[in-house]
Amino acid sequence: MSFFFRMASRLRPSTPEEVVRSIKDSFLALNTRTHTKALEEVEKNIASLRLLISGDGEVEPNQEQVLQITIEICKEDIISLFVQNLPSLGWTVRKDLVHFWCILLRQKNDESYCCVQYIENHLELLDFLVGCYKNLDIALNCGNMLRECIKYPTLAKYILESGSFELFFEYVELPNFDIASDALNTFKDLLTKHEAVVAEFLGSHYDQFFELYSRLLLSTNYVTRRQAIKFLSEFLLEAPNSQIMKRYIVEVRFLNIMIKLLKDSSKNIRICAFHVFKVMMNLMRRKT
């Protein structure tokens, strides 16, 4: 066992309840006048938590203890504190929280995922994370956290059907390339991770979705147009989306968009548009 791990073991609280209580107290203190000192305490507590749930490279974490800490974190509303205080935290702490987030969401108590169940009861946290793409400092952290949430169908379904989903059509065109790319990755995950959820969503939001998507296809931004047509060509040709494709290809307005993209100055865009156009023509012939 490393020296640092032994020392941290002596200094940190000894039970899951004490660990979580210490974390909660330090986060709550961020809203007081002693913000700087509270931030230092948060950093210390997060460092201790990192050792407990991730180990130190030499000693593996105790999985039973990790589960107990997770249960306490949900019980004490620490998940909400983690999310809502992201803008106030330093880079290292945010990085650790993203790492914890992945571990915590995977913890299963009996047949339920503790943290996923907590988020299902606090869905406003997902709206908060989506909104954080507007914050340059934490956008990428929140993107990672969102994609972890999207792995679970109930959480993906909520985001798709919430008003927050439409924000992604703005985010993929943000001037910051890294953030726009990250938002696009999250957008793709929302539309590809859970076939049944996506089919239900598009079945009831078809016009609204493709009206917004058409704006991406006709964007003045080359990168946006290329990414949009590339994803569309892949998405429509996936077997689970066959019904959506059949509905899409018979609409003249979308055919006109493909014809316009066939004349695009970019060869890559023309090639992707041709794939979609070819499928549209083939299916139209079968109908006649």
Protein backbone atom coordinates (compact mmCIF):
# COMPACT_ATOMS: atom_id res chain seq x y z
CA MET A 1 0.00 0.00 0.00
CA SER A 2 1.39 3.41 -0.95
CA PHE A 3 2.40 5.93 1.70
CA PHE A 4 -0.18 8.44 0.43
CA PHE A 5 -2.96 5.87 0.61
CA ARG A 6 -2.03 4.95 4.22
CA MET A 7 -1.94 8.58 5.28
CA ALA A 8 -5.24 9.36 3.57
CA SER A 9 -6.78 6.34 5.26
CA ARG A 10 -5.84 7.74 8.67
CA LEU A 11 -7.07 11.24 7.96
CA ARG A 12 -10.35 10.67 6.18
CA PRO A 13 -13.65 9.63 7.81
CA SER A 14 -13.80 5.89 8.43
CA THR A 15 -17.36 4.92 7.46
CA PRO A 16 -19.38 5.55 4.27
CA GLU A 17 -21.80 7.67 6.29
CA GLU A 18 -18.98 9.85 7.64
CA VAL A 19 -17.35 10.17 4.22
CA VAL A 20 -20.58 11.34 2.62
CA ARG A 21 -21.46 13.66 5.49
CA SER A 22 -18.05 15.31 5.23
CA ILE A 23 -18.51 15.77 1.47
CA LYS A 24 -21.99 17.20 1.93
CA ASP A 25 -20.89 19.68 4.60
CA SER A 26 -18.05 20.96 2.43
CA PHE A 27 -20.32 21.40 -0.61
CA LEU A 28 -22.98 23.20 1.40
CA ALA A 29 -20.31 25.54 2.74
CA LEU A 30 -19.57 26.71 -0.82
CA ASN A 31 -22.55 29.06 -0.52
CA THR A 32 -21.20 30.75 2.60
CA ARG A 33 -18.74 33.58 3.06
CA THR A 34 -15.91 31.13 3.60
CA HIS A 35 -16.09 29.98 -0.02
CA THR A 36 -12.32 29.68 -0.54
CA LYS A 37 -11.81 27.54 2.54
CA ALA A 38 -14.87 25.46 1.66
CA LEU A 39 -13.46 24.88 -1.81
CA GLU A 40 -10.25 23.57 -0.25
CA GLU A 41 -12.30 21.20 1.90
CA VAL A 42 -14.21 20.01 -1.17
CA GLU A 43 -10.92 19.27 -2.92
CA LYS A 44 -9.64 17.28 0.08
CA ASN A 45 -12.86 15.32 0.41
CA ILE A 46 -13.00 14.56 -3.30
CA ALA A 47 -9.39 13.35 -3.17
CA SER A 48 -10.35 11.00 -0.33
CA LEU A 49 -13.40 9.81 -2.23
CA ARG A 50 -11.25 9.15 -5.28
CA LEU A 51 -9.09 6.77 -3.25
CA LEU A 52 -12.11 5.01 -1.77
CA ILE A 53 -13.96 4.31 -5.00
CA SER A 54 -11.03 4.07 -7.43
CA GLY A 55 -8.11 2.87 -5.32
CA ASP A 56 -4.60 4.24 -5.65
CA GLY A 57 -3.26 2.06 -8.44
CA GLU A 58 -1.84 -0.47 -6.00
CA VAL A 59 -4.88 -1.26 -3.87
CA GLU A 60 -8.23 -2.04 -5.47
CA PRO A 61 -11.31 -0.37 -3.98
CA ASN A 62 -13.62 -2.37 -1.74
CA GLN A 63 -16.68 -2.89 -3.95
CA GLU A 64 -19.04 -3.37 -1.04
CA GLN A 65 -17.84 -0.09 0.42
CA VAL A 66 -18.22 1.62 -2.96
CA LEU A 67 -21.85 0.50 -3.08
CA GLN A 68 -22.49 1.71 0.46
CA ILE A 69 -20.97 5.10 -0.36
CA THR A 70 -23.16 5.28 -3.47
CA ILE A 71 -26.28 4.55 -1.45
CA GLU A 72 -25.35 7.24 1.06
CA ILE A 73 -24.58 9.72 -1.73
CA CYS A 74 -28.09 9.25 -3.10
CA LYS A 75 -29.66 9.32 0.34
CA GLU A 76 -27.98 12.63 1.22
CA ASP A 77 -28.70 14.31 -2.16
CA ILE A 78 -25.00 14.55 -2.99
CA ILE A 79 -25.74 13.84 -6.66
CA SER A 80 -27.62 17.13 -6.86
CA LEU A 81 -24.79 18.95 -5.09
CA PHE A 82 -22.25 17.49 -7.52
CA VAL A 83 -24.20 18.71 -10.54
CA GLN A 84 -25.36 22.10 -9.31
CA ASN A 85 -21.92 23.10 -8.04
CA LEU A 86 -19.96 22.14 -11.15
CA PRO A 87 -19.54 25.78 -12.25
CA SER A 88 -17.93 26.64 -8.91
CA LEU A 89 -15.36 23.85 -8.87
CA GLY A 90 -11.79 23.77 -10.11
CA TRP A 91 -10.59 21.77 -13.11
CA THR A 92 -9.16 18.85 -11.09
CA VAL A 93 -12.27 18.41 -8.96
CA ARG A 94 -14.51 18.52 -12.04
CA LYS A 95 -12.37 15.88 -13.71
CA ASP A 96 -12.64 13.66 -10.64
CA LEU A 97 -16.41 14.16 -10.49
CA VAL A 98 -16.79 13.05 -14.10
CA HIS A 99 -14.78 9.94 -13.24
CA PHE A 100 -16.92 9.31 -10.13
CA TRP A 101 -20.09 9.86 -12.13
CA CYS A 102 -19.34 6.90 -14.38
CA ILE A 103 -18.59 4.64 -11.41
CA LEU A 104 -21.56 5.78 -9.33
CA LEU A 105 -24.13 5.32 -12.10
CA ARG A 106 -23.01 1.72 -12.57
CA GLN A 107 -23.57 0.77 -8.92
CA LYS A 108 -26.46 -1.65 -8.55
CA ASN A 109 -28.33 -2.31 -5.32
CA ASP A 110 -30.43 -5.46 -5.75
CA GLU A 111 -32.02 -4.93 -9.17
CA SER A 112 -31.87 -1.15 -9.39
CA TYR A 113 -29.15 1.34 -10.25
CA CYS A 114 -29.14 3.65 -7.23
CA CYS A 115 -27.96 6.83 -8.93
CA VAL A 116 -30.01 6.29 -12.07
CA GLN A 117 -33.08 5.92 -9.89
CA TYR A 118 -32.11 9.09 -8.04
CA ILE A 119 -31.79 11.03 -11.31
CA GLU A 120 -35.15 9.65 -12.48
CA ASN A 121 -36.62 11.36 -9.41
CA HIS A 122 -34.64 14.56 -10.06
CA LEU A 123 -34.88 14.95 -13.82
CA GLU A 124 -34.13 18.65 -13.59
CA LEU A 125 -30.49 17.60 -13.19
CA LEU A 126 -30.48 16.42 -16.81
CA ASP A 127 -31.84 19.77 -17.97
CA PHE A 128 -29.11 21.48 -15.96
CA LEU A 129 -26.40 19.35 -17.58
CA VAL A 130 -27.75 20.01 -21.08
CA GLY A 131 -27.83 23.73 -20.37
CA CYS A 132 -24.18 23.63 -19.29
CA TYR A 133 -23.05 23.35 -22.91
CA LYS A 134 -23.35 27.14 -22.87
CA ASN A 135 -20.62 27.32 -20.22
CA LEU A 136 -17.19 27.03 -21.85
CA ASP A 137 -15.52 25.96 -18.61
CA ILE A 138 -17.71 22.94 -17.87
CA ALA A 139 -19.29 22.05 -21.23
CA LEU A 140 -17.05 19.06 -21.91
CA ASN A 141 -17.41 17.76 -18.35
CA CYS A 142 -21.18 17.91 -18.62
CA GLY A 143 -21.07 16.27 -22.04
CA ASN A 144 -19.28 13.27 -20.57
CA MET A 145 -21.77 13.09 -17.72
CA LEU A 146 -24.73 13.31 -20.10
CA ARG A 147 -23.43 10.51 -22.32
CA GLU A 148 -23.09 8.32 -19.25
CA CYS A 149 -26.72 9.09 -18.38
CA ILE A 150 -27.86 8.35 -21.93
CA LYS A 151 -26.73 4.75 -21.53
CA TYR A 152 -29.90 4.26 -19.48
CA PRO A 153 -33.14 4.28 -21.52
CA THR A 154 -35.30 6.13 -19.00
CA LEU A 155 -32.84 9.02 -18.86
CA ALA A 156 -32.34 9.11 -22.63
CA LYS A 157 -36.11 9.12 -23.11
CA TYR A 158 -36.52 12.09 -20.80
CA ILE A 159 -33.89 14.18 -22.61
CA LEU A 160 -35.36 13.37 -26.02
CA GLU A 161 -38.85 14.39 -24.97
CA SER A 162 -37.82 17.43 -22.93
CA GLY A 163 -37.56 20.98 -24.17
CA SER A 164 -33.81 20.73 -23.58
CA PHE A 165 -33.35 18.41 -26.56
CA GLU A 166 -33.95 21.20 -29.07
CA LEU A 167 -30.92 23.01 -27.66
CA PHE A 168 -28.66 20.44 -29.33
CA PHE A 169 -29.61 21.86 -32.73
CA GLU A 170 -28.01 25.10 -31.53
CA TYR A 171 -25.08 23.50 -29.74
CA VAL A 172 -23.81 21.59 -32.78
CA GLU A 173 -23.26 24.96 -34.45
CA LEU A 174 -21.45 26.64 -31.59
CA PRO A 175 -18.30 28.51 -32.69
CA ASN A 176 -16.13 26.50 -30.28
CA PHE A 177 -15.26 23.40 -32.33
CA ASP A 178 -14.54 21.13 -29.35
CA ILE A 179 -17.84 21.92 -27.66
CA ALA A 180 -19.82 21.66 -30.90
CA SER A 181 -18.23 18.27 -31.61
CA ASP A 182 -18.96 17.07 -28.09
CA ALA A 183 -22.59 18.18 -28.39
CA LEU A 184 -22.84 16.31 -31.69
CA ASN A 185 -21.53 13.14 -30.03
CA THR A 186 -24.18 13.46 -27.32
CA PHE A 187 -26.84 14.15 -29.96
CA LYS A 188 -25.83 10.99 -31.85
CA ASP A 189 -25.91 8.89 -28.69
CA LEU A 190 -29.42 10.10 -27.94
CA LEU A 191 -30.56 8.90 -31.37
CA THR A 192 -28.71 5.60 -31.53
CA LYS A 193 -28.38 4.03 -28.06
CA HIS A 194 -31.95 2.81 -27.54
CA GLU A 195 -33.84 1.76 -30.66
CA ALA A 196 -37.30 1.45 -29.09
CA VAL A 197 -37.02 4.80 -27.30
CA VAL A 198 -35.89 6.59 -30.47
CA ALA A 199 -38.59 4.95 -32.61
CA GLU A 200 -41.26 6.08 -30.16
CA PHE A 201 -39.82 9.59 -30.00
CA LEU A 202 -39.58 10.05 -33.77
CA GLY A 203 -43.00 8.52 -34.23
CA SER A 204 -44.56 11.26 -32.12
CA HIS A 205 -42.16 14.13 -32.91
CA TYR A 206 -41.40 13.40 -36.57
CA ASP A 207 -42.29 16.78 -38.10
CA GLN A 208 -40.74 18.81 -35.32
CA PHE A 209 -37.50 16.81 -35.38
CA PHE A 210 -36.93 16.83 -39.14
CA GLU A 211 -37.87 20.49 -39.43
CA LEU A 212 -35.02 21.29 -37.05
CA TYR A 213 -32.70 18.77 -38.68
CA SER A 214 -33.31 20.27 -42.11
CA ARG A 215 -31.85 23.53 -40.83
CA LEU A 216 -28.62 21.69 -40.05
CA LEU A 217 -28.55 20.19 -43.55
CA LEU A 218 -28.91 23.68 -45.02
CA SER A 219 -26.59 25.41 -42.57
CA THR A 220 -24.12 27.95 -43.92
CA ASN A 221 -21.47 26.21 -41.81
CA TYR A 222 -19.67 23.57 -43.87
CA VAL A 223 -18.79 21.36 -40.89
CA THR A 224 -22.40 21.37 -39.72
CA ARG A 225 -23.72 20.45 -43.18
CA ARG A 226 -21.19 17.67 -43.60
CA GLN A 227 -21.78 16.16 -40.16
CA ALA A 228 -25.56 16.43 -40.57
CA ILE A 229 -25.75 14.70 -43.95
CA LYS A 230 -23.22 12.06 -42.92
CA PHE A 231 -25.17 11.15 -39.80
CA LEU A 232 -28.50 11.22 -41.67
CA SER A 233 -27.18 8.84 -44.34
CA GLU A 234 -26.06 6.41 -41.63
CA PHE A 235 -29.13 6.85 -39.42
CA LEU A 236 -31.78 6.32 -42.10
CA LEU A 237 -30.09 3.19 -43.43
CA GLU A 238 -30.07 1.46 -40.04
CA ALA A 239 -32.59 -1.40 -40.02
CA PRO A 240 -34.45 -0.22 -36.87
CA ASN A 241 -35.16 3.10 -38.62
CA SER A 242 -36.70 1.63 -41.76
CA GLN A 243 -40.17 3.00 -41.02
CA ILE A 244 -38.79 6.48 -40.43
CA MET A 245 -36.81 6.25 -43.66
CA LYS A 246 -39.90 5.20 -45.65
CA ARG A 247 -41.75 8.19 -44.30
CA TYR A 248 -38.84 10.55 -44.93
CA ILE A 249 -38.14 9.62 -48.53
CA VAL A 250 -41.66 10.27 -49.82
CA GLU A 251 -41.68 13.92 -48.76
CA VAL A 252 -40.91 16.34 -51.55
CA ARG A 253 -39.45 18.93 -49.18
CA PHE A 254 -36.73 16.50 -48.10
CA LEU A 255 -36.11 15.36 -51.67
CA ASN A 256 -35.51 19.00 -52.61
CA ILE A 257 -32.97 19.33 -49.80
CA MET A 258 -31.08 16.29 -51.10
CA ILE A 259 -31.10 17.72 -54.63
CA LYS A 260 -29.66 20.95 -53.29
CA LEU A 261 -26.95 19.07 -51.39
CA LEU A 262 -26.07 17.14 -54.55
CA LYS A 263 -24.93 20.51 -55.91
CA ASP A 264 -22.88 21.40 -52.84
CA SER A 265 -19.34 22.65 -53.43
CA SER A 266 -18.00 19.89 -51.15
CA LYS A 267 -17.41 16.49 -52.70
CA ASN A 268 -17.87 14.76 -49.34
CA ILE A 269 -21.29 16.33 -48.88
CA ARG A 270 -22.29 15.44 -52.43
CA ILE A 271 -21.31 11.79 -51.87
CA CYS A 272 -23.34 11.49 -48.65
CA ALA A 273 -26.30 13.25 -50.25
CA PHE A 274 -26.09 10.87 -53.20
CA HIS A 275 -26.37 7.84 -50.89
CA VAL A 276 -29.57 9.22 -49.37
CA PHE A 277 -30.90 10.34 -52.76
CA LYS A 278 -30.25 6.91 -54.29
CA VAL A 279 -32.19 5.18 -51.52
CA MET A 280 -35.04 7.66 -51.94
CA MET A 281 -35.22 6.99 -55.67
CA ASN A 282 -35.10 3.20 -55.25
CA LEU A 283 -37.92 3.20 -52.73
CA MET A 284 -40.00 5.57 -54.83
CA ARG A 285 -39.67 3.22 -57.82
CA ARG A 286 -40.91 0.32 -55.73
CA LYS A 287 -43.98 2.29 -54.77
CA THR A 288 -44.89 3.00 -58.40
